[in-house]
Amino acid sequence: MRQVYSTRTLEIPDEVQVEVNARVVKVTGPRGSLTKNLKHLQVDLFLLEEDGKNLIKVEVWYGTSKRLSATRTVVSHINNMILGVTRGYRYTMRLVYAHFPINATIEGAGSVIEIRNFLGEKRVRYVKMMEGVTVQRSKTVKDELVLEGNDIEMVSRSAAHIHQSCLVKAKDIRKFLDGIYVNGKGHVVQIEEEEDAKPRGMDRPPEDRDLLWEDALAST
């Protein structure tokens, strides 16, 4: 049974510009621009404005269940692009080893990583990052890699290439757990919390803080 009409909308932030041309979507924001070809999906894309807000609308007429599910897919892709050009994506990976320490060297301004001494092997593993992705060593955590980029697909594929380059062969993987694993996913630009994390009363003038301190001592 076909559903007559299905639609989804996505609000576009003020600092982001979206262009749609024959189902080719280009999103431009503070961190750069991303382009994605969605011509393989049979949907209609429109840019419109309602109540002073810029929206992108996805429509499907007389669609089967598979075509109807494409509306959510398109909205998710565009939302990921908007987050990428505004906040960016960051994946963290840990170098896990039991005996032989894994040595990782960053080359080419973060575009290539060289992995040495995996399980004591002499072979050097070279992993090239995908377009727009950089890798660097963490400055705070030992044996941790940080991958950053605007395109979530490129960042996740780069992390997958690093993980797949250090798979244990011809051994029991329940015992040999050495490798490089993803241990965190997030954004490059973190949103500030609405409420300050200061203790109660620290945002008041010094004289008010003294009164609070005296009240606390009196209550004890």
N, C-alpha and C. Protein backbone atom coordinates (compact mmCIF):
# COMPACT_ATOMS: atom_id res chain seq x y z
N MET A 1 0.84 -1.19 0.00
CA MET A 1 0.00 0.00 0.00
C MET A 1 0.88 1.25 0.00
N ARG A 2 0.56 2.18 -0.86
CA ARG A 2 1.34 3.41 -0.98
C ARG A 2 0.71 4.52 -0.15
N GLN A 3 1.56 5.27 0.50
CA GLN A 3 1.10 6.44 1.24
C GLN A 3 1.07 7.63 0.29
N VAL A 4 0.00 8.40 0.35
CA VAL A 4 -0.19 9.48 -0.61
C VAL A 4 0.90 10.54 -0.48
N TYR A 5 1.20 10.94 0.76
CA TYR A 5 2.10 12.07 0.94
C TYR A 5 2.87 11.91 2.24
N SER A 6 4.17 12.19 2.19
CA SER A 6 5.01 12.17 3.39
C SER A 6 6.02 13.30 3.28
N THR A 7 6.26 13.98 4.41
CA THR A 7 7.17 15.12 4.38
C THR A 7 7.89 15.25 5.71
N ARG A 8 9.06 15.83 5.68
CA ARG A 8 9.85 16.17 6.86
C ARG A 8 10.53 17.51 6.59
N THR A 9 10.72 18.28 7.66
CA THR A 9 11.39 19.58 7.55
C THR A 9 12.55 19.63 8.54
N LEU A 10 13.53 20.46 8.21
CA LEU A 10 14.70 20.66 9.05
C LEU A 10 15.01 22.14 9.09
N GLU A 11 15.15 22.68 10.30
CA GLU A 11 15.46 24.10 10.46
C GLU A 11 16.94 24.35 10.19
N ILE A 12 17.23 25.43 9.47
CA ILE A 12 18.59 25.79 9.11
C ILE A 12 19.05 26.91 10.05
N PRO A 13 20.16 26.76 10.74
CA PRO A 13 20.64 27.84 11.63
C PRO A 13 20.98 29.10 10.85
N ASP A 14 21.03 30.22 11.57
CA ASP A 14 21.28 31.50 10.92
C ASP A 14 22.68 31.59 10.32
N GLU A 15 23.67 30.94 10.95
CA GLU A 15 25.05 31.04 10.47
C GLU A 15 25.37 30.05 9.36
N VAL A 16 24.38 29.33 8.88
CA VAL A 16 24.59 28.29 7.86
C VAL A 16 23.79 28.66 6.62
N GLN A 17 24.40 28.45 5.46
CA GLN A 17 23.73 28.64 4.17
C GLN A 17 23.62 27.29 3.47
N VAL A 18 22.44 27.00 2.96
CA VAL A 18 22.18 25.74 2.27
C VAL A 18 21.73 26.03 0.85
N GLU A 19 22.35 25.34 -0.11
CA GLU A 19 21.98 25.46 -1.51
C GLU A 19 21.56 24.09 -2.03
N VAL A 20 20.45 24.05 -2.77
CA VAL A 20 19.93 22.81 -3.34
C VAL A 20 19.78 22.99 -4.83
N ASN A 21 20.42 22.12 -5.58
CA ASN A 21 20.36 22.18 -7.05
C ASN A 21 20.27 20.76 -7.58
N ALA A 22 19.07 20.36 -8.00
CA ALA A 22 18.86 19.03 -8.57
C ALA A 22 19.33 17.94 -7.61
N ARG A 23 18.90 18.06 -6.36
CA ARG A 23 19.20 17.12 -5.28
C ARG A 23 20.69 17.01 -4.96
N VAL A 24 21.44 18.03 -5.31
CA VAL A 24 22.82 18.17 -4.86
C VAL A 24 22.83 19.28 -3.81
N VAL A 25 23.15 18.91 -2.58
CA VAL A 25 23.03 19.83 -1.44
C VAL A 25 24.42 20.33 -1.07
N LYS A 26 24.55 21.64 -0.94
CA LYS A 26 25.79 22.27 -0.49
C LYS A 26 25.49 23.07 0.76
N VAL A 27 26.24 22.77 1.83
CA VAL A 27 26.06 23.44 3.12
C VAL A 27 27.34 24.19 3.45
N THR A 28 27.20 25.47 3.75
CA THR A 28 28.34 26.33 4.06
C THR A 28 28.15 26.92 5.45
N GLY A 29 29.22 26.85 6.26
CA GLY A 29 29.15 27.36 7.62
C GLY A 29 30.47 27.94 8.06
N PRO A 30 30.63 28.24 9.35
CA PRO A 30 31.87 28.85 9.84
C PRO A 30 33.11 27.99 9.62
N ARG A 31 32.97 26.67 9.62
CA ARG A 31 34.12 25.79 9.50
C ARG A 31 34.43 25.37 8.06
N GLY A 32 33.59 25.78 7.10
CA GLY A 32 33.84 25.41 5.72
C GLY A 32 32.54 25.02 5.03
N SER A 33 32.67 24.24 3.96
CA SER A 33 31.50 23.83 3.19
C SER A 33 31.58 22.33 2.88
N LEU A 34 30.41 21.72 2.76
CA LEU A 34 30.29 20.31 2.41
C LEU A 34 29.25 20.16 1.31
N THR A 35 29.48 19.21 0.42
CA THR A 35 28.57 18.95 -0.69
C THR A 35 28.25 17.47 -0.73
N LYS A 36 26.97 17.15 -0.92
CA LYS A 36 26.55 15.75 -1.00
C LYS A 36 25.55 15.58 -2.13
N ASN A 37 25.76 14.54 -2.92
CA ASN A 37 24.89 14.22 -4.04
C ASN A 37 23.83 13.23 -3.57
N LEU A 38 22.56 13.62 -3.63
CA LEU A 38 21.45 12.77 -3.20
C LEU A 38 20.55 12.39 -4.37
N LYS A 39 21.09 12.35 -5.57
CA LYS A 39 20.27 12.06 -6.74
C LYS A 39 19.79 10.61 -6.77
N HIS A 40 20.42 9.73 -6.00
CA HIS A 40 19.99 8.34 -6.00
C HIS A 40 18.72 8.13 -5.18
N LEU A 41 18.29 9.15 -4.44
CA LEU A 41 17.07 9.06 -3.64
C LEU A 41 15.93 9.80 -4.36
N GLN A 42 14.78 9.14 -4.47
CA GLN A 42 13.65 9.71 -5.20
C GLN A 42 12.80 10.54 -4.24
N VAL A 43 13.29 11.74 -3.96
CA VAL A 43 12.58 12.67 -3.08
C VAL A 43 12.63 14.05 -3.71
N ASP A 44 11.79 14.95 -3.19
CA ASP A 44 11.78 16.35 -3.61
C ASP A 44 12.34 17.19 -2.48
N LEU A 45 13.27 18.10 -2.83
CA LEU A 45 13.91 18.97 -1.86
C LEU A 45 13.55 20.42 -2.17
N PHE A 46 13.16 21.16 -1.13
CA PHE A 46 12.80 22.57 -1.29
C PHE A 46 13.41 23.37 -0.16
N LEU A 47 13.75 24.62 -0.47
CA LEU A 47 14.13 25.60 0.54
C LEU A 47 12.98 26.57 0.70
N LEU A 48 12.56 26.81 1.93
CA LEU A 48 11.45 27.72 2.18
C LEU A 48 11.66 28.46 3.49
N GLU A 49 10.82 29.45 3.72
CA GLU A 49 10.92 30.28 4.92
C GLU A 49 9.54 30.37 5.56
N GLU A 50 9.48 30.04 6.85
CA GLU A 50 8.23 30.09 7.60
C GLU A 50 8.49 30.75 8.95
N ASP A 51 7.71 31.76 9.26
CA ASP A 51 7.81 32.48 10.54
C ASP A 51 9.22 33.01 10.78
N GLY A 52 9.85 33.49 9.72
CA GLY A 52 11.19 34.04 9.85
C GLY A 52 12.29 33.01 9.99
N LYS A 53 11.99 31.73 9.83
CA LYS A 53 12.99 30.67 9.95
C LYS A 53 13.22 30.02 8.58
N ASN A 54 14.49 29.76 8.28
CA ASN A 54 14.83 29.06 7.05
C ASN A 54 14.71 27.56 7.26
N LEU A 55 13.99 26.91 6.36
CA LEU A 55 13.75 25.47 6.47
C LEU A 55 14.12 24.78 5.18
N ILE A 56 14.45 23.50 5.29
CA ILE A 56 14.60 22.65 4.11
C ILE A 56 13.56 21.55 4.23
N LYS A 57 12.80 21.34 3.17
CA LYS A 57 11.65 20.44 3.19
C LYS A 57 11.89 19.27 2.25
N VAL A 58 11.58 18.07 2.73
CA VAL A 58 11.72 16.84 1.96
C VAL A 58 10.33 16.25 1.76
N GLU A 59 9.98 15.96 0.51
CA GLU A 59 8.65 15.44 0.20
C GLU A 59 8.75 14.17 -0.63
N VAL A 60 7.76 13.30 -0.39
CA VAL A 60 7.60 12.08 -1.20
C VAL A 60 6.12 11.89 -1.47
N TRP A 61 5.77 11.72 -2.75
CA TRP A 61 4.39 11.49 -3.15
C TRP A 61 4.22 10.05 -3.63
N TYR A 62 3.17 9.40 -3.10
CA TYR A 62 2.84 8.04 -3.51
C TYR A 62 4.06 7.13 -3.43
N GLY A 63 4.67 7.13 -2.27
CA GLY A 63 5.90 6.36 -2.11
C GLY A 63 5.67 5.03 -1.42
N THR A 64 6.53 4.07 -1.76
CA THR A 64 6.54 2.79 -1.04
C THR A 64 7.25 2.99 0.29
N SER A 65 7.30 1.94 1.10
CA SER A 65 7.91 2.06 2.42
C SER A 65 9.39 2.43 2.31
N LYS A 66 10.07 1.90 1.30
CA LYS A 66 11.49 2.22 1.14
C LYS A 66 11.68 3.68 0.74
N ARG A 67 10.85 4.20 -0.11
CA ARG A 67 10.95 5.61 -0.50
C ARG A 67 10.57 6.52 0.65
N LEU A 68 9.59 6.11 1.47
CA LEU A 68 9.20 6.93 2.61
C LEU A 68 10.32 7.02 3.63
N SER A 69 11.06 5.94 3.82
CA SER A 69 12.17 5.97 4.77
C SER A 69 13.30 6.88 4.30
N ALA A 70 13.33 7.18 2.99
CA ALA A 70 14.39 8.05 2.47
C ALA A 70 14.24 9.48 2.97
N THR A 71 13.04 9.89 3.36
CA THR A 71 12.88 11.26 3.87
C THR A 71 13.69 11.46 5.14
N ARG A 72 13.63 10.50 6.05
CA ARG A 72 14.42 10.61 7.28
C ARG A 72 15.91 10.52 6.96
N THR A 73 16.29 9.71 5.98
CA THR A 73 17.69 9.59 5.60
C THR A 73 18.24 10.91 5.10
N VAL A 74 17.48 11.59 4.24
CA VAL A 74 17.93 12.88 3.70
C VAL A 74 18.08 13.91 4.82
N VAL A 75 17.10 13.96 5.71
CA VAL A 75 17.16 14.92 6.82
C VAL A 75 18.37 14.63 7.71
N SER A 76 18.65 13.37 7.96
CA SER A 76 19.80 13.02 8.80
C SER A 76 21.11 13.41 8.13
N HIS A 77 21.23 13.17 6.83
CA HIS A 77 22.44 13.55 6.10
C HIS A 77 22.67 15.07 6.17
N ILE A 78 21.63 15.83 5.90
CA ILE A 78 21.78 17.29 5.90
C ILE A 78 22.07 17.81 7.32
N ASN A 79 21.44 17.21 8.32
CA ASN A 79 21.70 17.63 9.70
C ASN A 79 23.15 17.34 10.09
N ASN A 80 23.68 16.19 9.65
CA ASN A 80 25.09 15.88 9.92
C ASN A 80 26.01 16.89 9.23
N MET A 81 25.64 17.32 8.03
CA MET A 81 26.44 18.32 7.33
C MET A 81 26.41 19.65 8.06
N ILE A 82 25.23 20.04 8.56
CA ILE A 82 25.12 21.30 9.30
C ILE A 82 25.97 21.26 10.57
N LEU A 83 25.91 20.15 11.30
CA LEU A 83 26.74 20.02 12.49
C LEU A 83 28.22 20.02 12.14
N GLY A 84 28.57 19.46 10.99
CA GLY A 84 29.96 19.42 10.60
C GLY A 84 30.54 20.79 10.31
N VAL A 85 29.78 21.64 9.62
CA VAL A 85 30.31 22.97 9.25
C VAL A 85 30.18 23.97 10.39
N THR A 86 29.46 23.61 11.46
CA THR A 86 29.34 24.51 12.60
C THR A 86 30.16 24.05 13.80
N ARG A 87 30.12 22.76 14.12
CA ARG A 87 30.81 22.25 15.31
C ARG A 87 31.92 21.26 14.98
N GLY A 88 31.89 20.63 13.83
CA GLY A 88 32.92 19.65 13.48
C GLY A 88 32.74 18.35 14.23
N TYR A 89 33.52 17.33 13.82
CA TYR A 89 33.44 16.02 14.44
C TYR A 89 34.82 15.60 14.93
N ARG A 90 34.83 14.96 16.09
CA ARG A 90 36.09 14.51 16.70
C ARG A 90 35.91 13.07 17.20
N TYR A 91 36.81 12.20 16.74
CA TYR A 91 36.87 10.81 17.21
C TYR A 91 38.18 10.63 17.97
N THR A 92 38.14 9.92 19.09
CA THR A 92 39.35 9.59 19.83
C THR A 92 39.57 8.08 19.78
N MET A 93 40.84 7.68 19.65
CA MET A 93 41.20 6.27 19.55
C MET A 93 42.35 5.99 20.53
N ARG A 94 42.30 4.82 21.17
CA ARG A 94 43.33 4.43 22.13
C ARG A 94 44.18 3.32 21.55
N LEU A 95 45.49 3.42 21.82
CA LEU A 95 46.44 2.39 21.44
C LEU A 95 46.51 1.37 22.57
N VAL A 96 45.99 0.18 22.34
CA VAL A 96 45.90 -0.85 23.37
C VAL A 96 46.95 -1.92 23.08
N TYR A 97 47.77 -2.24 24.10
CA TYR A 97 48.79 -3.28 23.96
C TYR A 97 49.08 -3.88 25.32
N ALA A 98 49.48 -5.16 25.30
CA ALA A 98 49.79 -5.88 26.54
C ALA A 98 51.30 -5.93 26.79
N HIS A 99 52.09 -6.13 25.73
CA HIS A 99 53.54 -6.26 25.91
C HIS A 99 54.31 -5.33 24.97
N PHE A 100 54.11 -5.49 23.67
CA PHE A 100 54.84 -4.68 22.70
C PHE A 100 54.15 -3.32 22.55
N PRO A 101 54.79 -2.23 22.93
CA PRO A 101 54.14 -0.91 22.81
C PRO A 101 53.99 -0.50 21.35
N ILE A 102 52.83 -0.03 21.01
CA ILE A 102 52.56 0.42 19.64
C ILE A 102 53.08 1.84 19.49
N ASN A 103 53.89 2.05 18.47
CA ASN A 103 54.46 3.37 18.19
C ASN A 103 53.71 3.99 17.01
N ALA A 104 53.19 5.18 17.21
CA ALA A 104 52.45 5.89 16.16
C ALA A 104 53.16 7.20 15.87
N THR A 105 53.43 7.45 14.60
CA THR A 105 54.10 8.67 14.15
C THR A 105 53.20 9.40 13.17
N ILE A 106 52.99 10.68 13.40
CA ILE A 106 52.14 11.50 12.53
C ILE A 106 53.02 12.19 11.51
N GLU A 107 52.67 12.07 10.24
CA GLU A 107 53.41 12.69 9.15
C GLU A 107 52.47 13.51 8.29
N GLY A 108 53.05 14.36 7.45
CA GLY A 108 52.26 15.12 6.48
C GLY A 108 51.25 16.04 7.11
N ALA A 109 51.64 16.72 8.19
CA ALA A 109 50.74 17.68 8.86
C ALA A 109 49.42 17.04 9.27
N GLY A 110 49.49 15.79 9.74
CA GLY A 110 48.30 15.11 10.22
C GLY A 110 47.52 14.36 9.18
N SER A 111 48.07 14.19 7.99
CA SER A 111 47.34 13.49 6.93
C SER A 111 47.72 12.02 6.83
N VAL A 112 48.82 11.62 7.44
CA VAL A 112 49.29 10.23 7.37
C VAL A 112 49.76 9.82 8.75
N ILE A 113 49.45 8.59 9.14
CA ILE A 113 49.93 8.03 10.39
C ILE A 113 50.70 6.76 10.10
N GLU A 114 51.87 6.61 10.73
CA GLU A 114 52.71 5.42 10.60
C GLU A 114 52.66 4.64 11.90
N ILE A 115 52.32 3.37 11.81
CA ILE A 115 52.16 2.52 12.99
C ILE A 115 53.27 1.47 12.97
N ARG A 116 54.02 1.39 14.05
CA ARG A 116 55.16 0.47 14.15
C ARG A 116 55.04 -0.39 15.40
N ASN A 117 55.73 -1.52 15.37
CA ASN A 117 55.90 -2.43 16.51
C ASN A 117 54.58 -3.03 16.99
N PHE A 118 53.61 -3.18 16.10
CA PHE A 118 52.37 -3.84 16.47
C PHE A 118 52.63 -5.33 16.64
N LEU A 119 52.43 -5.85 17.85
CA LEU A 119 52.74 -7.24 18.21
C LEU A 119 54.19 -7.59 17.91
N GLY A 120 55.06 -6.58 17.95
CA GLY A 120 56.48 -6.82 17.70
C GLY A 120 56.85 -6.98 16.24
N GLU A 121 55.93 -6.73 15.33
CA GLU A 121 56.22 -6.90 13.91
C GLU A 121 57.11 -5.77 13.40
N LYS A 122 57.93 -6.10 12.43
CA LYS A 122 58.82 -5.11 11.82
C LYS A 122 58.12 -4.29 10.74
N ARG A 123 57.02 -4.78 10.24
CA ARG A 123 56.33 -4.10 9.15
C ARG A 123 55.77 -2.77 9.63
N VAL A 124 55.93 -1.75 8.82
CA VAL A 124 55.40 -0.43 9.12
C VAL A 124 54.06 -0.28 8.39
N ARG A 125 53.06 0.12 9.13
CA ARG A 125 51.72 0.30 8.57
C ARG A 125 51.49 1.79 8.30
N TYR A 126 51.14 2.10 7.07
CA TYR A 126 50.86 3.49 6.69
C TYR A 126 49.36 3.63 6.44
N VAL A 127 48.74 4.58 7.10
CA VAL A 127 47.31 4.83 6.94
C VAL A 127 47.15 6.30 6.56
N LYS A 128 46.56 6.53 5.41
CA LYS A 128 46.31 7.89 4.93
C LYS A 128 44.90 8.31 5.31
N MET A 129 44.78 9.51 5.86
CA MET A 129 43.48 10.01 6.26
C MET A 129 42.65 10.37 5.03
N MET A 130 41.34 10.32 5.20
CA MET A 130 40.45 10.72 4.13
C MET A 130 40.50 12.25 3.95
N GLU A 131 39.90 12.71 2.89
CA GLU A 131 39.95 14.14 2.57
C GLU A 131 39.29 14.97 3.66
N GLY A 132 40.01 15.99 4.12
CA GLY A 132 39.48 16.89 5.13
C GLY A 132 39.62 16.41 6.57
N VAL A 133 40.34 15.31 6.80
CA VAL A 133 40.50 14.74 8.14
C VAL A 133 41.96 14.86 8.56
N THR A 134 42.19 15.25 9.79
CA THR A 134 43.53 15.34 10.36
C THR A 134 43.61 14.46 11.60
N VAL A 135 44.79 13.91 11.86
CA VAL A 135 45.02 13.07 13.04
C VAL A 135 46.19 13.66 13.81
N GLN A 136 46.09 13.59 15.11
CA GLN A 136 47.16 14.07 15.97
C GLN A 136 47.14 13.29 17.28
N ARG A 137 48.24 13.34 18.00
CA ARG A 137 48.30 12.69 19.30
C ARG A 137 47.65 13.59 20.36
N SER A 138 46.98 12.96 21.31
CA SER A 138 46.36 13.72 22.37
C SER A 138 47.42 14.33 23.28
N LYS A 139 47.17 15.57 23.68
CA LYS A 139 48.11 16.28 24.55
C LYS A 139 47.88 15.99 26.03
N THR A 140 46.78 15.36 26.37
CA THR A 140 46.44 15.13 27.77
C THR A 140 46.41 13.65 28.15
N VAL A 141 46.11 12.77 27.19
CA VAL A 141 45.96 11.34 27.48
C VAL A 141 47.05 10.57 26.75
N LYS A 142 47.71 9.66 27.45
CA LYS A 142 48.76 8.85 26.86
C LYS A 142 48.18 7.84 25.90
N ASP A 143 48.90 7.59 24.81
CA ASP A 143 48.52 6.57 23.81
C ASP A 143 47.11 6.82 23.29
N GLU A 144 46.80 8.06 22.95
CA GLU A 144 45.49 8.38 22.39
C GLU A 144 45.67 9.22 21.13
N LEU A 145 44.87 8.89 20.11
CA LEU A 145 44.86 9.63 18.86
C LEU A 145 43.56 10.42 18.77
N VAL A 146 43.64 11.59 18.14
CA VAL A 146 42.48 12.46 17.97
C VAL A 146 42.31 12.73 16.49
N LEU A 147 41.14 12.35 15.93
CA LEU A 147 40.82 12.59 14.54
C LEU A 147 39.75 13.67 14.48
N GLU A 148 39.97 14.68 13.62
CA GLU A 148 39.04 15.79 13.51
C GLU A 148 38.75 16.07 12.04
N GLY A 149 37.51 16.51 11.78
CA GLY A 149 37.11 16.87 10.43
C GLY A 149 35.68 17.37 10.44
N ASN A 150 35.24 17.83 9.27
CA ASN A 150 33.87 18.36 9.13
C ASN A 150 32.89 17.30 8.65
N ASP A 151 33.35 16.33 7.89
CA ASP A 151 32.47 15.31 7.32
C ASP A 151 32.51 14.08 8.22
N ILE A 152 31.37 13.73 8.81
CA ILE A 152 31.33 12.60 9.74
C ILE A 152 31.67 11.29 9.03
N GLU A 153 31.32 11.17 7.76
CA GLU A 153 31.64 9.94 7.03
C GLU A 153 33.14 9.80 6.84
N MET A 154 33.82 10.89 6.52
CA MET A 154 35.27 10.83 6.31
C MET A 154 36.01 10.57 7.62
N VAL A 155 35.53 11.18 8.70
CA VAL A 155 36.18 10.98 10.00
C VAL A 155 36.02 9.53 10.46
N SER A 156 34.82 8.99 10.35
CA SER A 156 34.57 7.62 10.79
C SER A 156 35.29 6.61 9.90
N ARG A 157 35.37 6.87 8.60
CA ARG A 157 36.10 5.96 7.71
C ARG A 157 37.58 5.99 7.99
N SER A 158 38.13 7.15 8.32
CA SER A 158 39.55 7.22 8.67
C SER A 158 39.82 6.42 9.94
N ALA A 159 38.93 6.54 10.93
CA ALA A 159 39.09 5.74 12.15
C ALA A 159 38.98 4.25 11.86
N ALA A 160 38.09 3.87 10.95
CA ALA A 160 37.96 2.46 10.58
C ALA A 160 39.22 1.95 9.89
N HIS A 161 39.83 2.78 9.04
CA HIS A 161 41.06 2.35 8.36
C HIS A 161 42.19 2.13 9.36
N ILE A 162 42.29 3.00 10.37
CA ILE A 162 43.32 2.81 11.39
C ILE A 162 43.07 1.53 12.17
N HIS A 163 41.82 1.30 12.55
CA HIS A 163 41.48 0.08 13.30
C HIS A 163 41.76 -1.18 12.48
N GLN A 164 41.37 -1.16 11.21
CA GLN A 164 41.53 -2.34 10.38
C GLN A 164 42.99 -2.63 10.05
N SER A 165 43.85 -1.62 10.13
CA SER A 165 45.26 -1.85 9.84
C SER A 165 45.95 -2.61 10.96
N CYS A 166 45.33 -2.68 12.13
CA CYS A 166 45.94 -3.35 13.28
C CYS A 166 45.08 -4.50 13.78
N LEU A 167 44.57 -5.32 12.88
CA LEU A 167 43.81 -6.49 13.27
C LEU A 167 44.76 -7.66 13.52
N VAL A 168 44.45 -8.44 14.55
CA VAL A 168 45.28 -9.58 14.91
C VAL A 168 44.95 -10.73 13.97
N LYS A 169 46.00 -11.31 13.36
CA LYS A 169 45.82 -12.41 12.42
C LYS A 169 46.40 -13.70 13.00
N ALA A 170 45.71 -14.83 12.74
CA ALA A 170 46.19 -16.17 13.08
C ALA A 170 46.46 -16.32 14.58
N LYS A 171 45.73 -15.60 15.41
CA LYS A 171 45.85 -15.73 16.85
C LYS A 171 44.46 -15.63 17.48
N ASP A 172 44.36 -16.07 18.71
CA ASP A 172 43.08 -16.02 19.42
C ASP A 172 42.80 -14.57 19.84
N ILE A 173 41.79 -13.95 19.23
CA ILE A 173 41.51 -12.54 19.51
C ILE A 173 40.94 -12.34 20.92
N ARG A 174 40.55 -13.43 21.59
CA ARG A 174 40.11 -13.29 22.98
C ARG A 174 41.30 -13.10 23.91
N LYS A 175 42.46 -13.53 23.48
CA LYS A 175 43.67 -13.39 24.29
C LYS A 175 44.52 -12.22 23.82
N PHE A 176 44.69 -12.09 22.51
CA PHE A 176 45.48 -11.00 21.94
C PHE A 176 44.55 -9.84 21.62
N LEU A 177 44.48 -8.90 22.55
CA LEU A 177 43.56 -7.76 22.42
C LEU A 177 44.27 -6.51 21.93
N ASP A 178 45.50 -6.64 21.46
CA ASP A 178 46.23 -5.46 20.99
C ASP A 178 45.52 -4.86 19.77
N GLY A 179 45.61 -3.56 19.66
CA GLY A 179 45.01 -2.88 18.53
C GLY A 179 44.78 -1.42 18.85
N ILE A 180 44.12 -0.73 17.91
CA ILE A 180 43.75 0.68 18.07
C ILE A 180 42.23 0.76 17.94
N TYR A 181 41.60 1.22 19.01
CA TYR A 181 40.14 1.16 19.09
C TYR A 181 39.56 2.57 19.32
N VAL A 182 38.37 2.79 18.76
CA VAL A 182 37.65 4.04 18.99
C VAL A 182 37.08 4.01 20.40
N ASN A 183 37.37 5.04 21.18
CA ASN A 183 36.86 5.10 22.55
C ASN A 183 36.05 6.36 22.84
N GLY A 184 35.85 7.22 21.83
CA GLY A 184 35.05 8.41 22.08
C GLY A 184 34.67 9.11 20.79
N LYS A 185 33.47 9.68 20.79
CA LYS A 185 32.97 10.43 19.64
C LYS A 185 32.33 11.72 20.15
N GLY A 186 32.61 12.81 19.45
CA GLY A 186 32.05 14.08 19.88
C GLY A 186 32.26 15.15 18.84
N HIS A 187 32.24 16.41 19.28
CA HIS A 187 32.38 17.54 18.39
C HIS A 187 33.64 18.34 18.75
N VAL A 188 34.17 19.04 17.77
CA VAL A 188 35.35 19.88 18.00
C VAL A 188 34.96 21.09 18.83
N VAL A 189 33.86 21.74 18.47
CA VAL A 189 33.38 22.92 19.19
C VAL A 189 32.29 22.45 20.15
N GLN A 190 32.56 22.59 21.45
CA GLN A 190 31.61 22.17 22.47
C GLN A 190 30.68 23.34 22.81
N ILE A 191 29.41 23.02 23.01
CA ILE A 191 28.42 24.03 23.38
C ILE A 191 28.54 24.30 24.88
N GLU A 192 28.60 25.58 25.23
CA GLU A 192 28.70 25.94 26.64
C GLU A 192 27.40 25.58 27.36
N GLU A 193 27.57 25.11 28.58
CA GLU A 193 26.41 24.75 29.39
C GLU A 193 25.63 26.01 29.75
N GLU A 194 24.32 25.87 29.80
CA GLU A 194 23.47 27.02 30.11
C GLU A 194 23.71 27.53 31.52
N GLU A 195 23.90 26.61 32.45
CA GLU A 195 24.14 27.02 33.83
C GLU A 195 25.62 26.86 34.15
N ASP A 196 26.16 27.85 34.82
CA ASP A 196 27.57 27.81 35.18
C ASP A 196 27.80 26.73 36.21
N ALA A 197 28.97 26.11 36.13
CA ALA A 197 29.29 25.00 37.03
C ALA A 197 29.90 25.48 38.34
N LYS A 198 29.88 26.78 38.62
CA LYS A 198 30.46 27.29 39.86
C LYS A 198 29.60 26.85 41.06
N PRO A 199 30.24 26.72 42.23
CA PRO A 199 29.46 26.39 43.43
C PRO A 199 28.46 27.49 43.75
N ARG A 200 27.45 27.13 44.54
CA ARG A 200 26.39 28.07 44.87
C ARG A 200 26.95 29.29 45.59
N GLY A 201 26.64 30.47 45.08
CA GLY A 201 27.07 31.70 45.72
C GLY A 201 28.34 32.29 45.17
N MET A 202 29.10 31.54 44.33
CA MET A 202 30.37 32.05 43.82
C MET A 202 30.18 33.14 42.78
N ASP A 203 28.96 33.26 42.23
CA ASP A 203 28.71 34.30 41.25
C ASP A 203 28.19 35.58 41.90
N ARG A 204 28.18 35.63 43.23
CA ARG A 204 27.69 36.81 43.93
C ARG A 204 28.86 37.71 44.33
N PRO A 205 28.58 38.95 44.74
CA PRO A 205 29.65 39.85 45.21
C PRO A 205 30.33 39.28 46.45
N PRO A 206 31.59 39.70 46.73
CA PRO A 206 32.32 39.15 47.89
C PRO A 206 31.59 39.32 49.21
N GLU A 207 30.90 40.47 49.43
CA GLU A 207 30.23 40.66 50.71
C GLU A 207 29.07 39.68 50.88
N ASP A 208 28.38 39.35 49.77
CA ASP A 208 27.30 38.38 49.86
C ASP A 208 27.84 36.98 50.12
N ARG A 209 29.02 36.68 49.55
CA ARG A 209 29.61 35.37 49.80
C ARG A 209 29.96 35.22 51.28
N ASP A 210 30.46 36.29 51.92
CA ASP A 210 30.78 36.22 53.34
C ASP A 210 29.55 35.93 54.17
N LEU A 211 28.43 36.54 53.80
CA LEU A 211 27.20 36.28 54.53
C LEU A 211 26.76 34.83 54.37
N LEU A 212 26.88 34.30 53.16
CA LEU A 212 26.54 32.90 52.94
C LEU A 212 27.43 31.98 53.76
N TRP A 213 28.73 32.32 53.84
CA TRP A 213 29.67 31.50 54.60
C TRP A 213 29.34 31.54 56.10
N GLU A 214 28.98 32.72 56.60
CA GLU A 214 28.62 32.83 58.01
C GLU A 214 27.34 32.05 58.29
N ASP A 215 26.39 32.11 57.38
CA ASP A 215 25.15 31.35 57.57
C ASP A 215 25.42 29.86 57.60
N ALA A 216 26.36 29.41 56.71
CA ALA A 216 26.68 27.99 56.67
C ALA A 216 27.35 27.54 57.97
N LEU A 217 28.25 28.38 58.51
CA LEU A 217 28.89 28.02 59.77
C LEU A 217 27.90 28.01 60.92
N ALA A 218 26.96 28.98 60.91
CA ALA A 218 25.98 29.04 61.99
C ALA A 218 25.06 27.83 61.98
N SER A 219 24.76 27.34 60.79
CA SER A 219 23.86 26.18 60.70
C SER A 219 24.50 24.90 61.18
N THR A 220 25.85 24.86 61.18
CA THR A 220 26.53 23.64 61.64
C THR A 220 26.75 23.69 63.14
